[in-house]
């Protein structure tokens, strides 16, 4: 495994767990509410959160591959 590969494992796992949490939460919301407009209104923020977390994952992978060091690694 490349030296950058080890640094990519944690962000990928956290992203997968967060997306799994959002999916389960969304499934529970659809079971709790029967009215379609309410489900759509509550699902929009969940979808936006999912898109945001995937975007941040790709940004973090780009950082790792470019060799930028974390600020926390300096301490």
PDB file of N, CA and C in Angstrom:
ATOM      1  N   UNK A   1       0.850  -1.178   0.000  1.00  0.00           N
ATOM      2  CA  UNK A   1       0.000   0.000   0.000  1.00  0.00           C
ATOM      3  C   UNK A   1       0.894   1.238   0.000  1.00  0.00           C
ATOM      4  N   UNK A   2       0.519   2.220  -0.776  1.00  0.00           N
ATOM      5  CA  UNK A   2       1.310   3.442  -0.854  1.00  0.00           C
ATOM      6  C   UNK A   2       1.251   4.197   0.470  1.00  0.00           C
ATOM      7  N   UNK A   3       2.205   5.092   0.704  1.00  0.00           N
ATOM      8  CA  UNK A   3       2.181   5.834   1.968  1.00  0.00           C
ATOM      9  C   UNK A   3       0.937   6.712   2.105  1.00  0.00           C
ATOM     10  N   UNK A   4       0.391   7.137   0.976  1.00  0.00           N
ATOM     11  CA  UNK A   4      -0.823   7.943   1.035  1.00  0.00           C
ATOM     12  C   UNK A   4      -2.070   7.088   1.262  1.00  0.00           C
ATOM     13  N   UNK A   5      -1.983   5.809   0.919  1.00  0.00           N
ATOM     14  CA  UNK A   5      -3.131   4.915   1.037  1.00  0.00           C
ATOM     15  C   UNK A   5      -3.617   4.753   2.466  1.00  0.00           C
ATOM     16  N   UNK A   6      -2.677   4.717   3.397  1.00  0.00           N
ATOM     17  CA  UNK A   6      -3.061   4.554   4.801  1.00  0.00           C
ATOM     18  C   UNK A   6      -3.816   5.765   5.322  1.00  0.00           C
ATOM     19  N   UNK A   7      -3.478   6.942   4.811  1.00  0.00           N
ATOM     20  CA  UNK A   7      -4.155   8.164   5.258  1.00  0.00           C
ATOM     21  C   UNK A   7      -5.557   8.275   4.668  1.00  0.00           C
ATOM     22  N   UNK A   8      -5.835   7.535   3.604  1.00  0.00           N
ATOM     23  CA  UNK A   8      -7.147   7.611   2.959  1.00  0.00           C
ATOM     24  C   UNK A   8      -8.168   6.676   3.591  1.00  0.00           C
ATOM     25  N   UNK A   9      -7.724   5.731   4.380  1.00  0.00           N
ATOM     26  CA  UNK A   9      -8.644   4.735   4.931  1.00  0.00           C
ATOM     27  C   UNK A   9      -9.665   5.368   5.876  1.00  0.00           C
ATOM     28  N   UNK A  10      -9.216   6.189   6.804  1.00  0.00           N
ATOM     29  CA  UNK A  10     -10.117   6.776   7.807  1.00  0.00           C
ATOM     30  C   UNK A  10     -11.198   7.658   7.179  1.00  0.00           C
ATOM     31  N   UNK A  11     -10.861   8.593   6.268  1.00  0.00           N
ATOM     32  CA  UNK A  11     -11.932   9.402   5.676  1.00  0.00           C
ATOM     33  C   UNK A  11     -12.964   8.575   4.917  1.00  0.00           C
ATOM     34  N   UNK A  12     -12.517   7.523   4.233  1.00  0.00           N
ATOM     35  CA  UNK A  12     -13.447   6.682   3.476  1.00  0.00           C
ATOM     36  C   UNK A  12     -14.381   5.937   4.432  1.00  0.00           C
ATOM     37  N   UNK A  13     -13.829   5.392   5.508  1.00  0.00           N
ATOM     38  CA  UNK A  13     -14.656   4.655   6.469  1.00  0.00           C
ATOM     39  C   UNK A  13     -15.657   5.584   7.142  1.00  0.00           C
ATOM     40  N   UNK A  14     -15.208   6.771   7.539  1.00  0.00           N
ATOM     41  CA  UNK A  14     -16.117   7.724   8.184  1.00  0.00           C
ATOM     42  C   UNK A  14     -17.222   8.137   7.223  1.00  0.00           C
ATOM     43  N   UNK A  15     -16.886   8.352   5.969  1.00  0.00           N
ATOM     44  CA  UNK A  15     -17.898   8.734   4.974  1.00  0.00           C
ATOM     45  C   UNK A  15     -18.913   7.622   4.778  1.00  0.00           C
ATOM     46  N   UNK A  16     -18.445   6.389   4.673  1.00  0.00           N
ATOM     47  CA  UNK A  16     -19.361   5.260   4.496  1.00  0.00           C
ATOM     48  C   UNK A  16     -20.293   5.126   5.699  1.00  0.00           C
ATOM     49  N   UNK A  17     -19.741   5.250   6.900  1.00  0.00           N
ATOM     50  CA  UNK A  17     -20.574   5.139   8.106  1.00  0.00           C
ATOM     51  C   UNK A  17     -21.597   6.265   8.183  1.00  0.00           C
ATOM     52  N   UNK A  18     -21.182   7.486   7.827  1.00  0.00           N
ATOM     53  CA  UNK A  18     -22.114   8.612   7.871  1.00  0.00           C
ATOM     54  C   UNK A  18     -23.223   8.449   6.833  1.00  0.00           C
ATOM     55  N   UNK A  19     -22.869   7.993   5.632  1.00  0.00           N
ATOM     56  CA  UNK A  19     -23.890   7.775   4.606  1.00  0.00           C
ATOM     57  C   UNK A  19     -24.843   6.649   5.007  1.00  0.00           C
ATOM     58  N   UNK A  20     -24.319   5.624   5.646  1.00  0.00           N
ATOM     59  CA  UNK A  20     -25.165   4.546   6.152  1.00  0.00           C
ATOM     60  C   UNK A  20     -26.132   5.075   7.213  1.00  0.00           C
ATOM     61  N   UNK A  21     -25.630   5.920   8.095  1.00  0.00           N
ATOM     62  CA  UNK A  21     -26.477   6.540   9.110  1.00  0.00           C
ATOM     63  C   UNK A  21     -27.575   7.382   8.461  1.00  0.00           C
ATOM     64  N   UNK A  22     -27.219   8.188   7.467  1.00  0.00           N
ATOM     65  CA  UNK A  22     -28.225   9.008   6.787  1.00  0.00           C
ATOM     66  C   UNK A  22     -29.272   8.137   6.095  1.00  0.00           C
ATOM     67  N   UNK A  23     -28.831   7.045   5.484  1.00  0.00           N
ATOM     68  CA  UNK A  23     -29.766   6.154   4.805  1.00  0.00           C
ATOM     69  C   UNK A  23     -30.746   5.529   5.803  1.00  0.00           C
ATOM     70  N   UNK A  24     -30.226   5.052   6.924  1.00  0.00           N
ATOM     71  CA  UNK A  24     -31.094   4.439   7.938  1.00  0.00           C
ATOM     72  C   UNK A  24     -32.048   5.484   8.517  1.00  0.00           C
ATOM     73  N   UNK A  25     -31.541   6.675   8.785  1.00  0.00           N
ATOM     74  CA  UNK A  25     -32.391   7.748   9.312  1.00  0.00           C
ATOM     75  C   UNK A  25     -33.481   8.113   8.303  1.00  0.00           C
ATOM     76  N   UNK A  26     -33.124   8.190   7.024  1.00  0.00           N
ATOM     77  CA  UNK A  26     -34.114   8.489   5.988  1.00  0.00           C
ATOM     78  C   UNK A  26     -35.155   7.390   5.863  1.00  0.00           C
ATOM     79  N   UNK A  27     -34.719   6.141   5.985  1.00  0.00           N
ATOM     80  CA  UNK A  27     -35.670   5.029   5.917  1.00  0.00           C
ATOM     81  C   UNK A  27     -36.636   5.072   7.099  1.00  0.00           C
ATOM     82  N   UNK A  28     -36.135   5.428   8.265  1.00  0.00           N
ATOM     83  CA  UNK A  28     -37.006   5.532   9.434  1.00  0.00           C
ATOM     84  C   UNK A  28     -37.998   6.683   9.281  1.00  0.00           C
ATOM     85  N   UNK A  29     -37.548   7.777   8.655  1.00  0.00           N
ATOM     86  CA  UNK A  29     -38.454   8.903   8.422  1.00  0.00           C
ATOM     87  C   UNK A  29     -39.582   8.521   7.469  1.00  0.00           C
ATOM     88  N   UNK A  30     -39.256   7.769   6.428  1.00  0.00           N
ATOM     89  CA  UNK A  30     -40.293   7.388   5.475  1.00  0.00           C
ATOM     90  C   UNK A  30     -41.296   6.428   6.110  1.00  0.00           C
ATOM     91  N   UNK A  31     -40.857   5.638   7.079  1.00  0.00           N
ATOM     92  CA  UNK A  31     -41.782   4.743   7.775  1.00  0.00           C
ATOM     93  C   UNK A  31     -42.668   5.516   8.746  1.00  0.00           C
ATOM     94  N   UNK A  32     -42.125   6.595   9.325  1.00  0.00           N
ATOM     95  CA  UNK A  32     -42.860   7.343  10.339  1.00  0.00           C
ATOM     96  C   UNK A  32     -43.899   8.280   9.722  1.00  0.00           C
ATOM     97  N   UNK A  33     -43.573   8.872   8.580  1.00  0.00           N
ATOM     98  CA  UNK A  33     -44.473   9.834   7.961  1.00  0.00           C
ATOM     99  C   UNK A  33     -45.059   9.244   6.688  1.00  0.00           C
ATOM    100  N   UNK A  34     -46.361   9.357   6.553  1.00  0.00           N
ATOM    101  CA  UNK A  34     -47.043   8.784   5.394  1.00  0.00           C
ATOM    102  C   UNK A  34     -47.232   9.831   4.301  1.00  0.00           C
ATOM    103  N   UNK A  35     -47.330  11.088   4.693  1.00  0.00           N
ATOM    104  CA  UNK A  35     -47.603  12.143   3.719  1.00  0.00           C
ATOM    105  C   UNK A  35     -46.357  12.420   2.872  1.00  0.00           C
ATOM    106  N   UNK A  36     -46.540  12.349   1.572  1.00  0.00           N
ATOM    107  CA  UNK A  36     -45.416  12.503   0.652  1.00  0.00           C
ATOM    108  C   UNK A  36     -44.756  13.877   0.707  1.00  0.00           C
ATOM    109  N   UNK A  37     -45.496  14.999   0.769  1.00  0.00           N
ATOM    110  CA  UNK A  37     -44.807  16.302   0.823  1.00  0.00           C
ATOM    111  C   UNK A  37     -43.907  16.441   2.060  1.00  0.00           C
ATOM    112  N   UNK A  38     -44.334  15.877   3.168  1.00  0.00           N
ATOM    113  CA  UNK A  38     -43.528  15.954   4.382  1.00  0.00           C
ATOM    114  C   UNK A  38     -42.265  15.115   4.254  1.00  0.00           C
ATOM    115  N   UNK A  39     -42.363  13.963   3.634  1.00  0.00           N
ATOM    116  CA  UNK A  39     -41.192  13.107   3.419  1.00  0.00           C
ATOM    117  C   UNK A  39     -40.180  13.826   2.529  1.00  0.00           C
ATOM    118  N   UNK A  40     -40.655  14.454   1.463  1.00  0.00           N
ATOM    119  CA  UNK A  40     -39.765  15.163   0.547  1.00  0.00           C
ATOM    120  C   UNK A  40     -39.112  16.334   1.261  1.00  0.00           C
ATOM    121  N   UNK A  41     -39.864  17.059   2.063  1.00  0.00           N
ATOM    122  CA  UNK A  41     -39.333  18.205   2.793  1.00  0.00           C
ATOM    123  C   UNK A  41     -38.252  17.775   3.781  1.00  0.00           C
ATOM    124  N   UNK A  42     -38.427  16.645   4.416  1.00  0.00           N
ATOM    125  CA  UNK A  42     -37.435  16.157   5.371  1.00  0.00           C
ATOM    126  C   UNK A  42     -36.252  15.462   4.691  1.00  0.00           C
ATOM    127  N   UNK A  43     -36.451  14.968   3.475  1.00  0.00           N
ATOM    128  CA  UNK A  43     -35.388  14.254   2.779  1.00  0.00           C
ATOM    129  C   UNK A  43     -34.389  15.196   2.109  1.00  0.00           C
ATOM    130  N   UNK A  44     -34.811  16.389   1.775  1.00  0.00           N
ATOM    131  CA  UNK A  44     -33.922  17.332   1.084  1.00  0.00           C
ATOM    132  C   UNK A  44     -32.658  17.619   1.895  1.00  0.00           C
ATOM    133  N   UNK A  45     -32.751  17.959   3.185  1.00  0.00           N
ATOM    134  CA  UNK A  45     -31.508  18.186   3.947  1.00  0.00           C
ATOM    135  C   UNK A  45     -30.626  16.939   4.046  1.00  0.00           C
ATOM    136  N   UNK A  46     -31.242  15.767   4.123  1.00  0.00           N
ATOM    137  CA  UNK A  46     -30.450  14.539   4.199  1.00  0.00           C
ATOM    138  C   UNK A  46     -29.673  14.304   2.912  1.00  0.00           C
ATOM    139  N   UNK A  47     -30.292  14.549   1.786  1.00  0.00           N
ATOM    140  CA  UNK A  47     -29.625  14.380   0.498  1.00  0.00           C
ATOM    141  C   UNK A  47     -28.495  15.403   0.358  1.00  0.00           C
ATOM    142  N   UNK A  48     -28.749  16.641   0.776  1.00  0.00           N
ATOM    143  CA  UNK A  48     -27.709  17.664   0.707  1.00  0.00           C
ATOM    144  C   UNK A  48     -26.530  17.330   1.617  1.00  0.00           C
ATOM    145  N   UNK A  49     -26.807  16.797   2.794  1.00  0.00           N
ATOM    146  CA  UNK A  49     -25.733  16.358   3.684  1.00  0.00           C
ATOM    147  C   UNK A  49     -24.918  15.239   3.055  1.00  0.00           C
ATOM    148  N   UNK A  50     -25.588  14.300   2.413  1.00  0.00           N
ATOM    149  CA  UNK A  50     -24.897  13.210   1.745  1.00  0.00           C
ATOM    150  C   UNK A  50     -23.995  13.698   0.629  1.00  0.00           C
ATOM    151  N   UNK A  51     -24.505  14.628  -0.166  1.00  0.00           N
ATOM    152  CA  UNK A  51     -23.700  15.197  -1.251  1.00  0.00           C
ATOM    153  C   UNK A  51     -22.502  15.951  -0.679  1.00  0.00           C
ATOM    154  N   UNK A  52     -22.733  16.682   0.392  1.00  0.00           N
ATOM    155  CA  UNK A  52     -21.651  17.452   1.016  1.00  0.00           C
ATOM    156  C   UNK A  52     -20.558  16.565   1.574  1.00  0.00           C
ATOM    157  N   UNK A  53     -20.923  15.485   2.223  1.00  0.00           N
ATOM    158  CA  UNK A  53     -19.915  14.604   2.812  1.00  0.00           C
ATOM    159  C   UNK A  53     -19.107  13.898   1.723  1.00  0.00           C
ATOM    160  N   UNK A  54     -19.740  13.535   0.613  1.00  0.00           N
ATOM    161  CA  UNK A  54     -19.002  12.905  -0.491  1.00  0.00           C
ATOM    162  C   UNK A  54     -18.065  13.924  -1.140  1.00  0.00           C
ATOM    163  N   UNK A  55     -18.520  15.163  -1.283  1.00  0.00           N
ATOM    164  CA  UNK A  55     -17.661  16.222  -1.822  1.00  0.00           C
ATOM    165  C   UNK A  55     -16.436  16.429  -0.936  1.00  0.00           C
ATOM    166  N   UNK A  56     -16.644  16.448   0.379  1.00  0.00           N
ATOM    167  CA  UNK A  56     -15.529  16.629   1.305  1.00  0.00           C
ATOM    168  C   UNK A  56     -14.581  15.437   1.276  1.00  0.00           C
ATOM    169  N   UNK A  57     -15.102  14.243   1.046  1.00  0.00           N
ATOM    170  CA  UNK A  57     -14.237  13.072   0.911  1.00  0.00           C
ATOM    171  C   UNK A  57     -13.308  13.235  -0.288  1.00  0.00           C
ATOM    172  N   UNK A  58     -13.856  13.636  -1.426  1.00  0.00           N
ATOM    173  CA  UNK A  58     -13.025  13.820  -2.609  1.00  0.00           C
ATOM    174  C   UNK A  58     -12.014  14.946  -2.412  1.00  0.00           C
ATOM    175  N   UNK A  59     -12.409  16.011  -1.705  1.00  0.00           N
ATOM    176  CA  UNK A  59     -11.475  17.097  -1.420  1.00  0.00           C
ATOM    177  C   UNK A  59     -10.345  16.605  -0.517  1.00  0.00           C
ATOM    178  N   UNK A  60     -10.666  15.784   0.466  1.00  0.00           N
ATOM    179  CA  UNK A  60      -9.645  15.241   1.370  1.00  0.00           C
ATOM    180  C   UNK A  60      -8.706  14.293   0.623  1.00  0.00           C
ATOM    181  N   UNK A  61      -9.239  13.485  -0.268  1.00  0.00           N
ATOM    182  CA  UNK A  61      -8.387  12.585  -1.058  1.00  0.00           C
ATOM    183  C   UNK A  61      -7.438  13.390  -1.943  1.00  0.00           C
ATOM    184  N   UNK A  62      -7.946  14.482  -2.527  1.00  0.00           N
ATOM    185  CA  UNK A  62      -7.074  15.348  -3.330  1.00  0.00           C
ATOM    186  C   UNK A  62      -5.960  15.943  -2.474  1.00  0.00           C
ATOM    187  N   UNK A  63      -6.285  16.365  -1.250  1.00  0.00           N
ATOM    188  CA  UNK A  63      -5.276  16.898  -0.335  1.00  0.00           C
ATOM    189  C   UNK A  63      -4.210  15.861  -0.034  1.00  0.00           C
ATOM    190  N   UNK A  64      -4.634  14.658   0.264  1.00  0.00           N
ATOM    191  CA  UNK A  64      -3.690  13.596   0.614  1.00  0.00           C
ATOM    192  C   UNK A  64      -2.788  13.276  -0.568  1.00  0.00           C
ATOM    193  N   UNK A  65      -3.352  13.165  -1.749  1.00  0.00           N
ATOM    194  CA  UNK A  65      -2.548  12.825  -2.935  1.00  0.00           C
ATOM    195  C   UNK A  65      -1.578  13.939  -3.321  1.00  0.00           C
ATOM    196  N   UNK A  66      -1.949  15.195  -3.052  1.00  0.00           N
ATOM    197  CA  UNK A  66      -1.048  16.295  -3.410  1.00  0.00           C
ATOM    198  C   UNK A  66       0.077  16.443  -2.399  1.00  0.00           C
ATOM    199  N   UNK A  67      -0.011  15.746  -1.271  1.00  0.00           N
ATOM    200  CA  UNK A  67       1.068  15.775  -0.302  1.00  0.00           C
ATOM    201  C   UNK A  67       0.927  16.849   0.749  1.00  0.00           C
ATOM    202  N   UNK A  68      -0.192  17.557   0.773  1.00  0.00           N
ATOM    203  CA  UNK A  68      -0.392  18.567   1.810  1.00  0.00           C
ATOM    204  C   UNK A  68      -0.493  17.867   3.152  1.00  0.00           C
ATOM    205  N   UNK A  69       0.226  18.371   4.102  1.00  0.00           N
ATOM    206  CA  UNK A  69       0.217  17.769   5.433  1.00  0.00           C
ATOM    207  C   UNK A  69      -0.899  18.374   6.267  1.00  0.00           C
ATOM    208  N   UNK A  70      -1.418  17.573   7.170  1.00  0.00           N
ATOM    209  CA  UNK A  70      -2.412  18.061   8.113  1.00  0.00           C
ATOM    210  C   UNK A  70      -1.746  19.015   9.092  1.00  0.00           C
ATOM    211  N   UNK A  71      -2.507  19.984   9.570  1.00  0.00           N
ATOM    212  CA  UNK A  71      -1.980  20.866  10.604  1.00  0.00           C
ATOM    213  C   UNK A  71      -1.738  20.095  11.887  1.00  0.00           C
ATOM    214  N   UNK A  72      -2.540  19.073  12.146  1.00  0.00           N
ATOM    215  CA  UNK A  72      -2.395  18.307  13.381  1.00  0.00           C
ATOM    216  C   UNK A  72      -1.124  17.460  13.369  1.00  0.00           C
ATOM    217  N   UNK A  73      -0.609  17.117  12.197  1.00  0.00           N
ATOM    218  CA  UNK A  73       0.615  16.318  12.130  1.00  0.00           C
ATOM    219  C   UNK A  73       1.839  17.129  12.588  1.00  0.00           C
ATOM    220  N   UNK A  74       1.706  18.449  12.634  1.00  0.00           N
ATOM    221  CA  UNK A  74       2.845  19.284  13.033  1.00  0.00           C
ATOM    222  C   UNK A  74       3.017  19.347  14.545  1.00  0.00           C
ATOM    223  N   UNK A  75       2.078  18.848  15.301  1.00  0.00           N
ATOM    224  CA  UNK A  75       2.142  18.965  16.762  1.00  0.00           C
ATOM    225  C   UNK A  75       2.447  17.648  17.417  1.00  0.00           C
TER     226      UNK A  75
END
